[in-house]
Amino acid sequence: MTALYVLRGFIISIQKENKHHRILEAAIKVFAEQGFFQSTIAQIAQKAGVADGTIYLYFKNKNDILIQFYDYKTKQVFERFREKVNKADNAVEKLRWLVRQHLTEFQKDPDMAIVYQVETRQNRRLGDQQIKEMSKIYFDMISEMVELGQAEGSIRKNLYMGLVKRFIIGGVDEVINTWIHSNGKYDLVSMADPLVDLFIHGIGSPAKK
């Protein structure tokens, strides 16, 4: 009897988790299509295939949905970032894999890209704490790569780390924004290698002797 109760509890837990994720994914589709402020709980419920009241069993309001989405996606995305980066043998290749995976994640989930790049960037108070936490994780990874590259001799040492981090994330952000505004008409991931080459080599030409 105890084993049966445990099994039932496990099944109920999985069902709740699945419904929770389904609502999150439906909400992001609605936010991407309608804009965060124009979206309603009723629209999210309809997209998720649940009753309006069911939403409130899992979330306090729209803001809470967005915050929980960031928590949910951050864990998923950064685990994949770290997995790819750890496979590389040197700093430049680690940076290349980070940027490539970043573009891959956004290309395969355009709704996430739109909500993160457009909605939250235009309205900084939405999920502000979660965005700061994501940025810190990303910046820390960049710092690790730059410091490794400096030790390897592939990245120069006279750099202002804060500027380097803003330079890299700014470049990646702008590439994603351009892709979004083109309605995804080209392969976003194909921009990874040219972008990293620009980070590493800059736009200057070696002086002729």
N, C-alpha and C. Protein backbone atom coordinates (compact mmCIF):
# COMPACT_ATOMS: atom_id res chain seq x y z
N MET A 1 0.84 -1.21 0.00
CA MET A 1 0.00 0.00 0.00
C MET A 1 0.87 1.25 0.00
N THR A 2 1.96 1.24 0.81
CA THR A 2 2.86 2.39 0.87
C THR A 2 3.50 2.65 -0.48
N ALA A 3 3.93 1.58 -1.15
CA ALA A 3 4.55 1.71 -2.46
C ALA A 3 3.57 2.31 -3.47
N LEU A 4 2.29 1.93 -3.37
CA LEU A 4 1.26 2.44 -4.26
C LEU A 4 1.07 3.93 -4.06
N TYR A 5 1.04 4.36 -2.79
CA TYR A 5 0.89 5.79 -2.49
C TYR A 5 2.09 6.58 -3.03
N VAL A 6 3.29 6.01 -2.89
CA VAL A 6 4.51 6.66 -3.39
C VAL A 6 4.43 6.81 -4.90
N LEU A 7 3.98 5.74 -5.58
CA LEU A 7 3.87 5.77 -7.03
C LEU A 7 2.85 6.82 -7.48
N ARG A 8 1.70 6.85 -6.79
CA ARG A 8 0.68 7.84 -7.13
C ARG A 8 1.22 9.26 -6.94
N GLY A 9 1.93 9.45 -5.83
CA GLY A 9 2.50 10.76 -5.56
C GLY A 9 3.50 11.17 -6.62
N PHE A 10 4.28 10.20 -7.08
CA PHE A 10 5.27 10.47 -8.13
C PHE A 10 4.58 10.86 -9.43
N ILE A 11 3.53 10.13 -9.79
CA ILE A 11 2.79 10.41 -11.02
C ILE A 11 2.14 11.78 -10.97
N ILE A 12 1.53 12.10 -9.82
CA ILE A 12 0.90 13.42 -9.66
C ILE A 12 1.94 14.53 -9.78
N SER A 13 3.11 14.30 -9.18
CA SER A 13 4.18 15.29 -9.24
C SER A 13 4.63 15.53 -10.68
N ILE A 14 4.78 14.45 -11.45
CA ILE A 14 5.19 14.58 -12.86
C ILE A 14 4.13 15.32 -13.66
N GLN A 15 2.86 15.00 -13.40
CA GLN A 15 1.76 15.66 -14.11
C GLN A 15 1.75 17.15 -13.83
N LYS A 16 1.97 17.52 -12.56
CA LYS A 16 2.00 18.93 -12.19
C LYS A 16 3.17 19.64 -12.86
N GLU A 17 4.32 18.97 -12.88
CA GLU A 17 5.51 19.57 -13.50
C GLU A 17 5.28 19.77 -14.99
N ASN A 18 4.69 18.78 -15.65
CA ASN A 18 4.41 18.90 -17.08
C ASN A 18 3.45 20.05 -17.36
N LYS A 19 2.42 20.18 -16.53
CA LYS A 19 1.45 21.26 -16.74
C LYS A 19 2.10 22.62 -16.49
N HIS A 20 2.94 22.67 -15.49
CA HIS A 20 3.68 23.90 -15.17
C HIS A 20 4.52 24.32 -16.36
N HIS A 21 5.27 23.38 -16.95
CA HIS A 21 6.10 23.69 -18.10
C HIS A 21 5.26 24.07 -19.31
N ARG A 22 4.11 23.41 -19.48
CA ARG A 22 3.24 23.70 -20.61
C ARG A 22 2.71 25.13 -20.52
N ILE A 23 2.36 25.54 -19.32
CA ILE A 23 1.88 26.91 -19.14
C ILE A 23 3.00 27.92 -19.41
N LEU A 24 4.20 27.61 -18.93
CA LEU A 24 5.34 28.50 -19.18
C LEU A 24 5.59 28.68 -20.67
N GLU A 25 5.63 27.57 -21.39
CA GLU A 25 5.91 27.64 -22.83
C GLU A 25 4.78 28.37 -23.56
N ALA A 26 3.53 28.12 -23.15
CA ALA A 26 2.39 28.80 -23.78
C ALA A 26 2.46 30.31 -23.52
N ALA A 27 2.82 30.68 -22.30
CA ALA A 27 2.90 32.10 -21.94
C ALA A 27 3.93 32.82 -22.78
N ILE A 28 5.08 32.22 -22.99
CA ILE A 28 6.12 32.87 -23.78
C ILE A 28 5.69 33.04 -25.23
N LYS A 29 4.94 32.09 -25.76
CA LYS A 29 4.40 32.24 -27.12
C LYS A 29 3.44 33.43 -27.17
N VAL A 30 2.60 33.54 -26.17
CA VAL A 30 1.64 34.65 -26.12
C VAL A 30 2.37 35.98 -25.95
N PHE A 31 3.36 36.02 -25.05
CA PHE A 31 4.13 37.25 -24.84
C PHE A 31 4.83 37.68 -26.13
N ALA A 32 5.38 36.70 -26.86
CA ALA A 32 6.09 37.00 -28.10
C ALA A 32 5.14 37.51 -29.17
N GLU A 33 3.95 36.94 -29.22
CA GLU A 33 2.98 37.32 -30.25
C GLU A 33 2.27 38.63 -29.93
N GLN A 34 1.87 38.80 -28.68
CA GLN A 34 1.03 39.93 -28.29
C GLN A 34 1.78 41.07 -27.61
N GLY A 35 2.97 40.77 -27.08
CA GLY A 35 3.65 41.73 -26.22
C GLY A 35 3.23 41.47 -24.78
N PHE A 36 4.14 41.65 -23.85
CA PHE A 36 3.87 41.28 -22.46
C PHE A 36 2.66 42.03 -21.90
N PHE A 37 2.62 43.34 -22.06
CA PHE A 37 1.57 44.14 -21.42
C PHE A 37 0.20 43.92 -22.08
N GLN A 38 0.19 43.54 -23.34
CA GLN A 38 -1.07 43.31 -24.02
C GLN A 38 -1.61 41.89 -23.79
N SER A 39 -0.77 41.01 -23.29
CA SER A 39 -1.19 39.62 -23.08
C SER A 39 -2.08 39.50 -21.86
N THR A 40 -2.96 38.49 -21.88
CA THR A 40 -3.86 38.25 -20.76
C THR A 40 -3.72 36.82 -20.26
N ILE A 41 -4.12 36.61 -19.03
CA ILE A 41 -4.12 35.27 -18.45
C ILE A 41 -5.03 34.35 -19.27
N ALA A 42 -6.15 34.88 -19.75
CA ALA A 42 -7.08 34.08 -20.54
C ALA A 42 -6.42 33.58 -21.82
N GLN A 43 -5.62 34.43 -22.47
CA GLN A 43 -4.93 34.02 -23.69
C GLN A 43 -3.90 32.92 -23.40
N ILE A 44 -3.21 33.07 -22.27
CA ILE A 44 -2.21 32.07 -21.89
C ILE A 44 -2.89 30.74 -21.58
N ALA A 45 -3.99 30.80 -20.86
CA ALA A 45 -4.72 29.57 -20.51
C ALA A 45 -5.22 28.86 -21.77
N GLN A 46 -5.73 29.64 -22.71
CA GLN A 46 -6.23 29.05 -23.96
C GLN A 46 -5.10 28.38 -24.73
N LYS A 47 -3.95 29.06 -24.81
CA LYS A 47 -2.81 28.50 -25.52
C LYS A 47 -2.29 27.23 -24.84
N ALA A 48 -2.36 27.19 -23.51
CA ALA A 48 -1.88 26.03 -22.76
C ALA A 48 -2.90 24.90 -22.70
N GLY A 49 -4.16 25.23 -23.05
CA GLY A 49 -5.21 24.21 -22.99
C GLY A 49 -5.67 23.93 -21.58
N VAL A 50 -5.69 24.98 -20.73
CA VAL A 50 -6.15 24.81 -19.34
C VAL A 50 -7.17 25.90 -19.02
N ALA A 51 -7.88 25.73 -17.92
CA ALA A 51 -8.82 26.76 -17.47
C ALA A 51 -8.06 27.95 -16.91
N ASP A 52 -8.67 29.13 -16.99
CA ASP A 52 -8.02 30.35 -16.47
C ASP A 52 -7.57 30.17 -15.03
N GLY A 53 -8.45 29.58 -14.20
CA GLY A 53 -8.13 29.42 -12.79
C GLY A 53 -6.95 28.52 -12.53
N THR A 54 -6.67 27.61 -13.46
CA THR A 54 -5.54 26.69 -13.29
C THR A 54 -4.22 27.45 -13.26
N ILE A 55 -4.15 28.53 -14.01
CA ILE A 55 -2.93 29.33 -14.05
C ILE A 55 -2.52 29.75 -12.63
N TYR A 56 -3.53 30.14 -11.84
CA TYR A 56 -3.25 30.68 -10.50
C TYR A 56 -2.89 29.59 -9.49
N LEU A 57 -2.99 28.34 -9.88
CA LEU A 57 -2.51 27.25 -9.02
C LEU A 57 -0.98 27.17 -9.07
N TYR A 58 -0.41 27.74 -10.13
CA TYR A 58 1.03 27.65 -10.35
C TYR A 58 1.74 28.99 -10.32
N PHE A 59 1.00 30.07 -10.60
CA PHE A 59 1.62 31.38 -10.72
C PHE A 59 0.75 32.45 -10.06
N LYS A 60 1.39 33.48 -9.52
CA LYS A 60 0.66 34.57 -8.88
C LYS A 60 0.02 35.50 -9.90
N ASN A 61 0.75 35.79 -10.99
CA ASN A 61 0.30 36.73 -12.00
C ASN A 61 1.22 36.62 -13.22
N LYS A 62 1.07 37.52 -14.17
CA LYS A 62 1.91 37.48 -15.38
C LYS A 62 3.38 37.68 -15.05
N ASN A 63 3.66 38.62 -14.16
CA ASN A 63 5.06 38.84 -13.79
C ASN A 63 5.70 37.57 -13.24
N ASP A 64 4.96 36.85 -12.41
CA ASP A 64 5.47 35.62 -11.83
C ASP A 64 5.73 34.57 -12.90
N ILE A 65 4.88 34.54 -13.92
CA ILE A 65 5.11 33.60 -15.03
C ILE A 65 6.44 33.91 -15.70
N LEU A 66 6.68 35.19 -15.98
CA LEU A 66 7.92 35.59 -16.64
C LEU A 66 9.13 35.27 -15.78
N ILE A 67 9.04 35.57 -14.49
CA ILE A 67 10.15 35.29 -13.58
C ILE A 67 10.46 33.80 -13.52
N GLN A 68 9.40 32.99 -13.41
CA GLN A 68 9.62 31.55 -13.35
C GLN A 68 10.14 31.00 -14.68
N PHE A 69 9.73 31.63 -15.77
CA PHE A 69 10.25 31.21 -17.08
C PHE A 69 11.76 31.43 -17.14
N TYR A 70 12.21 32.60 -16.66
CA TYR A 70 13.64 32.87 -16.67
C TYR A 70 14.40 31.88 -15.79
N ASP A 71 13.86 31.58 -14.62
CA ASP A 71 14.51 30.60 -13.75
C ASP A 71 14.61 29.24 -14.43
N TYR A 72 13.53 28.83 -15.07
CA TYR A 72 13.43 27.55 -15.76
C TYR A 72 14.40 27.48 -16.93
N LYS A 73 14.43 28.54 -17.76
CA LYS A 73 15.28 28.55 -18.94
C LYS A 73 16.75 28.74 -18.59
N THR A 74 17.03 29.55 -17.56
CA THR A 74 18.42 29.79 -17.18
C THR A 74 19.12 28.48 -16.86
N LYS A 75 18.48 27.64 -16.08
CA LYS A 75 19.07 26.36 -15.71
C LYS A 75 19.33 25.50 -16.95
N GLN A 76 18.33 25.42 -17.81
CA GLN A 76 18.46 24.62 -19.03
C GLN A 76 19.58 25.15 -19.93
N VAL A 77 19.51 26.43 -20.24
CA VAL A 77 20.42 27.02 -21.22
C VAL A 77 21.86 27.03 -20.73
N PHE A 78 22.06 27.43 -19.49
CA PHE A 78 23.44 27.54 -19.00
C PHE A 78 24.09 26.18 -18.77
N GLU A 79 23.30 25.16 -18.51
CA GLU A 79 23.86 23.81 -18.45
C GLU A 79 24.41 23.41 -19.81
N ARG A 80 23.68 23.76 -20.88
CA ARG A 80 24.16 23.45 -22.23
C ARG A 80 25.36 24.31 -22.60
N PHE A 81 25.36 25.58 -22.17
CA PHE A 81 26.53 26.44 -22.40
C PHE A 81 27.77 25.80 -21.80
N ARG A 82 27.66 25.44 -20.53
CA ARG A 82 28.81 24.89 -19.81
C ARG A 82 29.26 23.57 -20.41
N GLU A 83 28.31 22.73 -20.81
CA GLU A 83 28.64 21.44 -21.41
C GLU A 83 29.48 21.63 -22.67
N LYS A 84 29.07 22.55 -23.54
CA LYS A 84 29.80 22.80 -24.77
C LYS A 84 31.16 23.43 -24.51
N VAL A 85 31.19 24.42 -23.63
CA VAL A 85 32.44 25.11 -23.33
C VAL A 85 33.48 24.17 -22.74
N ASN A 86 33.05 23.26 -21.88
CA ASN A 86 33.99 22.34 -21.23
C ASN A 86 34.64 21.36 -22.20
N LYS A 87 34.05 21.18 -23.37
CA LYS A 87 34.61 20.25 -24.36
C LYS A 87 35.77 20.86 -25.13
N ALA A 88 35.86 22.20 -25.12
CA ALA A 88 36.91 22.88 -25.88
C ALA A 88 38.25 22.82 -25.16
N ASP A 89 39.33 22.85 -25.95
CA ASP A 89 40.67 22.67 -25.39
C ASP A 89 41.38 23.98 -25.06
N ASN A 90 40.92 25.09 -25.62
CA ASN A 90 41.61 26.36 -25.38
C ASN A 90 40.59 27.50 -25.29
N ALA A 91 41.07 28.66 -24.89
CA ALA A 91 40.17 29.79 -24.61
C ALA A 91 39.39 30.24 -25.83
N VAL A 92 40.05 30.35 -26.97
CA VAL A 92 39.37 30.83 -28.16
C VAL A 92 38.26 29.87 -28.58
N GLU A 93 38.54 28.58 -28.51
CA GLU A 93 37.52 27.60 -28.87
C GLU A 93 36.39 27.58 -27.85
N LYS A 94 36.72 27.81 -26.58
CA LYS A 94 35.66 27.90 -25.56
C LYS A 94 34.73 29.08 -25.86
N LEU A 95 35.32 30.21 -26.21
CA LEU A 95 34.51 31.38 -26.56
C LEU A 95 33.68 31.10 -27.81
N ARG A 96 34.28 30.43 -28.76
CA ARG A 96 33.56 30.11 -30.00
C ARG A 96 32.35 29.22 -29.70
N TRP A 97 32.54 28.23 -28.82
CA TRP A 97 31.44 27.34 -28.47
C TRP A 97 30.37 28.05 -27.66
N LEU A 98 30.78 28.97 -26.80
CA LEU A 98 29.80 29.74 -26.01
C LEU A 98 28.90 30.56 -26.94
N VAL A 99 29.50 31.30 -27.85
CA VAL A 99 28.73 32.14 -28.76
C VAL A 99 27.87 31.29 -29.68
N ARG A 100 28.44 30.20 -30.19
CA ARG A 100 27.69 29.33 -31.09
C ARG A 100 26.47 28.73 -30.39
N GLN A 101 26.66 28.29 -29.14
CA GLN A 101 25.54 27.70 -28.41
C GLN A 101 24.50 28.75 -28.04
N HIS A 102 24.96 29.95 -27.72
CA HIS A 102 24.05 31.06 -27.43
C HIS A 102 23.13 31.31 -28.62
N LEU A 103 23.72 31.42 -29.80
CA LEU A 103 22.93 31.67 -31.01
C LEU A 103 22.04 30.48 -31.34
N THR A 104 22.53 29.28 -31.07
CA THR A 104 21.74 28.08 -31.32
C THR A 104 20.48 28.06 -30.46
N GLU A 105 20.64 28.37 -29.17
CA GLU A 105 19.50 28.34 -28.25
C GLU A 105 18.42 29.34 -28.67
N PHE A 106 18.83 30.52 -29.08
CA PHE A 106 17.87 31.54 -29.48
C PHE A 106 17.25 31.22 -30.83
N GLN A 107 18.02 30.63 -31.74
CA GLN A 107 17.46 30.30 -33.05
C GLN A 107 16.41 29.20 -32.95
N LYS A 108 16.63 28.23 -32.08
CA LYS A 108 15.67 27.14 -31.98
C LYS A 108 14.45 27.50 -31.12
N ASP A 109 14.51 28.64 -30.42
CA ASP A 109 13.37 29.10 -29.63
C ASP A 109 13.15 30.59 -29.88
N PRO A 110 12.62 30.94 -31.07
CA PRO A 110 12.44 32.36 -31.42
C PRO A 110 11.55 33.12 -30.44
N ASP A 111 10.57 32.44 -29.84
CA ASP A 111 9.71 33.12 -28.87
C ASP A 111 10.51 33.58 -27.66
N MET A 112 11.40 32.72 -27.17
CA MET A 112 12.27 33.11 -26.07
C MET A 112 13.13 34.30 -26.48
N ALA A 113 13.66 34.25 -27.70
CA ALA A 113 14.52 35.32 -28.19
C ALA A 113 13.78 36.65 -28.20
N ILE A 114 12.54 36.63 -28.70
CA ILE A 114 11.76 37.86 -28.78
C ILE A 114 11.44 38.42 -27.39
N VAL A 115 11.01 37.54 -26.49
CA VAL A 115 10.65 38.00 -25.15
C VAL A 115 11.87 38.55 -24.43
N TYR A 116 13.00 37.85 -24.53
CA TYR A 116 14.19 38.30 -23.83
C TYR A 116 14.79 39.56 -24.46
N GLN A 117 14.95 39.54 -25.77
CA GLN A 117 15.64 40.65 -26.44
C GLN A 117 14.77 41.88 -26.59
N VAL A 118 13.47 41.69 -26.82
CA VAL A 118 12.60 42.84 -27.10
C VAL A 118 11.81 43.27 -25.87
N GLU A 119 11.00 42.35 -25.35
CA GLU A 119 10.10 42.72 -24.26
C GLU A 119 10.85 43.14 -23.00
N THR A 120 11.77 42.31 -22.54
CA THR A 120 12.43 42.62 -21.27
C THR A 120 13.47 43.72 -21.42
N ARG A 121 14.08 43.83 -22.60
CA ARG A 121 15.06 44.90 -22.79
C ARG A 121 14.38 46.26 -22.88
N GLN A 122 13.16 46.29 -23.39
CA GLN A 122 12.42 47.55 -23.47
C GLN A 122 11.80 47.91 -22.12
N ASN A 123 11.54 46.90 -21.31
CA ASN A 123 10.91 47.12 -19.99
C ASN A 123 11.78 46.47 -18.93
N ARG A 124 12.82 47.17 -18.51
CA ARG A 124 13.87 46.58 -17.68
C ARG A 124 13.35 46.04 -16.35
N ARG A 125 12.23 46.55 -15.87
CA ARG A 125 11.76 46.08 -14.57
C ARG A 125 11.21 44.66 -14.63
N LEU A 126 10.90 44.15 -15.84
CA LEU A 126 10.37 42.80 -15.97
C LEU A 126 11.49 41.78 -15.76
N GLY A 127 11.37 41.00 -14.71
CA GLY A 127 12.38 39.97 -14.45
C GLY A 127 13.77 40.53 -14.25
N ASP A 128 13.85 41.75 -13.72
CA ASP A 128 15.15 42.44 -13.63
C ASP A 128 16.17 41.63 -12.83
N GLN A 129 15.76 41.07 -11.70
CA GLN A 129 16.69 40.31 -10.87
C GLN A 129 17.19 39.07 -11.60
N GLN A 130 16.29 38.40 -12.32
CA GLN A 130 16.68 37.20 -13.05
C GLN A 130 17.65 37.55 -14.18
N ILE A 131 17.41 38.67 -14.86
CA ILE A 131 18.30 39.09 -15.93
C ILE A 131 19.69 39.41 -15.38
N LYS A 132 19.74 40.05 -14.22
CA LYS A 132 21.03 40.35 -13.59
C LYS A 132 21.77 39.07 -13.23
N GLU A 133 21.04 38.08 -12.73
CA GLU A 133 21.67 36.81 -12.37
C GLU A 133 22.20 36.09 -13.61
N MET A 134 21.40 36.10 -14.70
CA MET A 134 21.85 35.48 -15.94
C MET A 134 23.09 36.19 -16.48
N SER A 135 23.07 37.52 -16.43
CA SER A 135 24.20 38.30 -16.92
C SER A 135 25.46 37.99 -16.13
N LYS A 136 25.33 37.84 -14.82
CA LYS A 136 26.49 37.55 -13.99
C LYS A 136 27.09 36.19 -14.35
N ILE A 137 26.23 35.19 -14.54
CA ILE A 137 26.73 33.86 -14.92
C ILE A 137 27.47 33.95 -16.25
N TYR A 138 26.88 34.66 -17.21
CA TYR A 138 27.48 34.80 -18.53
C TYR A 138 28.80 35.56 -18.45
N PHE A 139 28.81 36.66 -17.71
CA PHE A 139 30.03 37.45 -17.57
C PHE A 139 31.13 36.66 -16.87
N ASP A 140 30.77 35.86 -15.89
CA ASP A 140 31.76 35.04 -15.21
C ASP A 140 32.40 34.02 -16.15
N MET A 141 31.59 33.47 -17.05
CA MET A 141 32.12 32.52 -18.03
C MET A 141 33.09 33.22 -18.98
N ILE A 142 32.73 34.43 -19.41
CA ILE A 142 33.61 35.19 -20.29
C ILE A 142 34.93 35.51 -19.58
N SER A 143 34.83 35.91 -18.31
CA SER A 143 36.05 36.22 -17.54
C SER A 143 36.97 35.01 -17.47
N GLU A 144 36.41 33.84 -17.23
CA GLU A 144 37.21 32.61 -17.17
C GLU A 144 37.95 32.39 -18.49
N MET A 145 37.24 32.59 -19.61
CA MET A 145 37.84 32.36 -20.92
C MET A 145 38.94 33.38 -21.23
N VAL A 146 38.68 34.63 -20.91
CA VAL A 146 39.68 35.67 -21.17
C VAL A 146 40.93 35.43 -20.33
N GLU A 147 40.75 35.12 -19.06
CA GLU A 147 41.90 34.85 -18.19
C GLU A 147 42.68 33.64 -18.66
N LEU A 148 41.96 32.60 -19.13
CA LEU A 148 42.65 31.43 -19.67
C LEU A 148 43.42 31.80 -20.93
N GLY A 149 42.79 32.59 -21.80
CA GLY A 149 43.46 33.01 -23.02
C GLY A 149 44.69 33.86 -22.74
N GLN A 150 44.61 34.69 -21.71
CA GLN A 150 45.78 35.49 -21.33
C GLN A 150 46.91 34.59 -20.85
N ALA A 151 46.57 33.55 -20.10
CA ALA A 151 47.58 32.61 -19.61
C ALA A 151 48.18 31.80 -20.77
N GLU A 152 47.34 31.50 -21.77
CA GLU A 152 47.80 30.73 -22.93
C GLU A 152 48.59 31.59 -23.92
N GLY A 153 48.37 32.91 -23.85
CA GLY A 153 49.03 33.81 -24.78
C GLY A 153 48.21 34.11 -26.03
N SER A 154 46.96 33.65 -26.08
CA SER A 154 46.11 33.89 -27.24
C SER A 154 45.28 35.16 -27.11
N ILE A 155 45.22 35.71 -25.91
CA ILE A 155 44.49 36.95 -25.66
C ILE A 155 45.42 37.90 -24.92
N ARG A 156 45.50 39.15 -25.38
CA ARG A 156 46.45 40.08 -24.77
C ARG A 156 46.05 40.44 -23.34
N LYS A 157 47.04 40.81 -22.57
CA LYS A 157 46.81 41.02 -21.13
C LYS A 157 46.38 42.43 -20.77
N ASN A 158 46.69 43.40 -21.60
CA ASN A 158 46.36 44.80 -21.27
C ASN A 158 44.92 45.12 -21.68
N LEU A 159 43.99 44.41 -21.06
CA LEU A 159 42.57 44.60 -21.36
C LEU A 159 41.81 45.02 -20.11
N TYR A 160 40.79 45.81 -20.31
CA TYR A 160 39.88 46.17 -19.22
C TYR A 160 38.74 45.15 -19.26
N MET A 161 38.72 44.26 -18.26
CA MET A 161 37.81 43.12 -18.30
C MET A 161 36.35 43.54 -18.43
N GLY A 162 35.96 44.60 -17.72
CA GLY A 162 34.57 45.05 -17.80
C GLY A 162 34.19 45.43 -19.21
N LEU A 163 35.10 46.09 -19.93
CA LEU A 163 34.84 46.49 -21.31
C LEU A 163 34.78 45.28 -22.23
N VAL A 164 35.65 44.31 -22.00
CA VAL A 164 35.66 43.08 -22.80
C VAL A 164 34.32 42.36 -22.67
N LYS A 165 33.82 42.24 -21.46
CA LYS A 165 32.55 41.53 -21.23
C LYS A 165 31.40 42.25 -21.93
N ARG A 166 31.37 43.58 -21.83
CA ARG A 166 30.29 44.34 -22.48
C ARG A 166 30.42 44.27 -24.00
N PHE A 167 31.65 44.24 -24.49
CA PHE A 167 31.91 44.14 -25.92
C PHE A 167 31.36 42.83 -26.48
N ILE A 168 31.62 41.74 -25.78
CA ILE A 168 31.19 40.43 -26.26
C ILE A 168 29.67 40.28 -26.18
N ILE A 169 29.09 40.56 -25.01
CA ILE A 169 27.64 40.39 -24.88
C ILE A 169 26.90 41.39 -25.77
N GLY A 170 27.46 42.58 -25.94
CA GLY A 170 26.83 43.57 -26.81
C GLY A 170 26.82 43.11 -28.26
N GLY A 171 27.93 42.51 -28.70
CA GLY A 171 28.02 42.01 -30.06
C GLY A 171 27.03 40.88 -30.30
N VAL A 172 26.95 39.95 -29.37
CA VAL A 172 26.02 38.83 -29.49
C VAL A 172 24.58 39.34 -29.50
N ASP A 173 24.27 40.25 -28.60
CA ASP A 173 22.91 40.81 -28.52
C ASP A 173 22.51 41.47 -29.84
N GLU A 174 23.42 42.24 -30.42
CA GLU A 174 23.09 42.97 -31.64
C GLU A 174 22.87 42.02 -32.81
N VAL A 175 23.65 40.95 -32.87
CA VAL A 175 23.46 39.94 -33.92
C VAL A 175 22.09 39.29 -33.78
N ILE A 176 21.69 38.97 -32.55
CA ILE A 176 20.38 38.36 -32.32
C ILE A 176 19.26 39.35 -32.65
N ASN A 177 19.41 40.60 -32.24
CA ASN A 177 18.39 41.61 -32.52
C ASN A 177 18.18 41.79 -34.02
N THR A 178 19.28 41.82 -34.78
CA THR A 178 19.19 41.97 -36.22
C THR A 178 18.46 40.79 -36.84
N TRP A 179 18.76 39.60 -36.33
CA TRP A 179 18.10 38.37 -36.83
C TRP A 179 16.61 38.41 -36.54
N ILE A 180 16.24 38.85 -35.32
CA ILE A 180 14.82 38.94 -34.96
C ILE A 180 14.10 39.91 -35.89
N HIS A 181 14.69 41.07 -36.14
CA HIS A 181 14.04 42.09 -36.97
C HIS A 181 13.97 41.67 -38.44
N SER A 182 14.78 40.68 -38.81
CA SER A 182 14.69 40.15 -40.18
C SER A 182 13.67 39.03 -40.27
N ASN A 183 12.99 38.75 -39.12
CA ASN A 183 12.04 37.64 -39.04
C ASN A 183 12.71 36.29 -39.27
N GLY A 184 13.96 36.19 -38.83
CA GLY A 184 14.67 34.91 -38.91
C GLY A 184 14.91 34.44 -40.32
N LYS A 185 15.20 35.36 -41.23
CA LYS A 185 15.34 35.00 -42.65
C LYS A 185 16.68 34.35 -43.00
N TYR A 186 17.59 34.28 -42.07
CA TYR A 186 18.88 33.63 -42.36
C TYR A 186 19.30 32.80 -41.15
N ASP A 187 20.35 32.05 -41.33
CA ASP A 187 20.84 31.15 -40.28
C ASP A 187 21.61 31.95 -39.23
N LEU A 188 21.02 32.12 -38.08
CA LEU A 188 21.64 32.90 -37.01
C LEU A 188 22.97 32.29 -36.57
N VAL A 189 23.03 30.98 -36.47
CA VAL A 189 24.23 30.31 -35.96
C VAL A 189 25.43 30.54 -36.88
N SER A 190 25.17 30.81 -38.16
CA SER A 190 26.27 31.04 -39.10
C SER A 190 27.05 32.31 -38.76
N MET A 191 26.49 33.15 -37.91
CA MET A 191 27.15 34.38 -37.50
C MET A 191 28.17 34.16 -36.37
N ALA A 192 28.17 32.96 -35.79
CA ALA A 192 29.02 32.71 -34.62
C ALA A 192 30.51 32.86 -34.93
N ASP A 193 30.99 32.17 -35.95
CA ASP A 193 32.43 32.21 -36.25
C ASP A 193 32.90 33.60 -36.67
N PRO A 194 32.20 34.30 -37.58
CA PRO A 194 32.62 35.67 -37.90
C PRO A 194 32.63 36.59 -36.68
N LEU A 195 31.67 36.38 -35.79
CA LEU A 195 31.58 37.22 -34.60
C LEU A 195 32.77 36.98 -33.68
N VAL A 196 33.11 35.73 -33.44
CA VAL A 196 34.24 35.41 -32.57
C VAL A 196 35.55 35.86 -33.21
N ASP A 197 35.68 35.71 -34.52
CA ASP A 197 36.88 36.18 -35.20
C ASP A 197 37.04 37.68 -35.02
N LEU A 198 35.92 38.40 -35.05
CA LEU A 198 35.96 39.85 -34.81
C LEU A 198 36.38 40.15 -33.38
N PHE A 199 35.87 39.38 -32.42
CA PHE A 199 36.26 39.57 -31.02
C PHE A 199 37.77 39.38 -30.85
N ILE A 200 38.29 38.35 -31.47
CA ILE A 200 39.71 37.99 -31.27
C ILE A 200 40.67 38.88 -32.06
N HIS A 201 40.30 39.18 -33.31
CA HIS A 201 41.25 39.89 -34.19
C HIS A 201 40.94 41.38 -34.33
N GLY A 202 39.74 41.81 -33.93
CA GLY A 202 39.40 43.22 -34.08
C GLY A 202 39.21 43.61 -35.53
N ILE A 203 39.26 44.91 -35.81
CA ILE A 203 39.07 45.37 -37.19
C ILE A 203 40.34 46.02 -37.74
N GLY A 204 41.39 46.06 -36.95
CA GLY A 204 42.63 46.67 -37.41
C GLY A 204 43.41 45.75 -38.33
N SER A 205 44.32 46.33 -39.08
CA SER A 205 45.20 45.58 -39.97
C SER A 205 46.62 45.70 -39.42
N PRO A 206 47.36 44.58 -39.38
CA PRO A 206 48.74 44.65 -38.87
C PRO A 206 49.56 45.67 -39.65
N ALA A 207 50.36 46.43 -38.96
CA ALA A 207 51.18 47.46 -39.60
C ALA A 207 52.18 46.81 -40.53
N LYS A 208 52.33 47.41 -41.72
CA LYS A 208 53.30 46.88 -42.69
C LYS A 208 54.71 47.31 -42.31
N LYS A 209 55.63 46.38 -42.46
CA LYS A 209 57.02 46.69 -42.12
C LYS A 209 57.73 47.28 -43.34
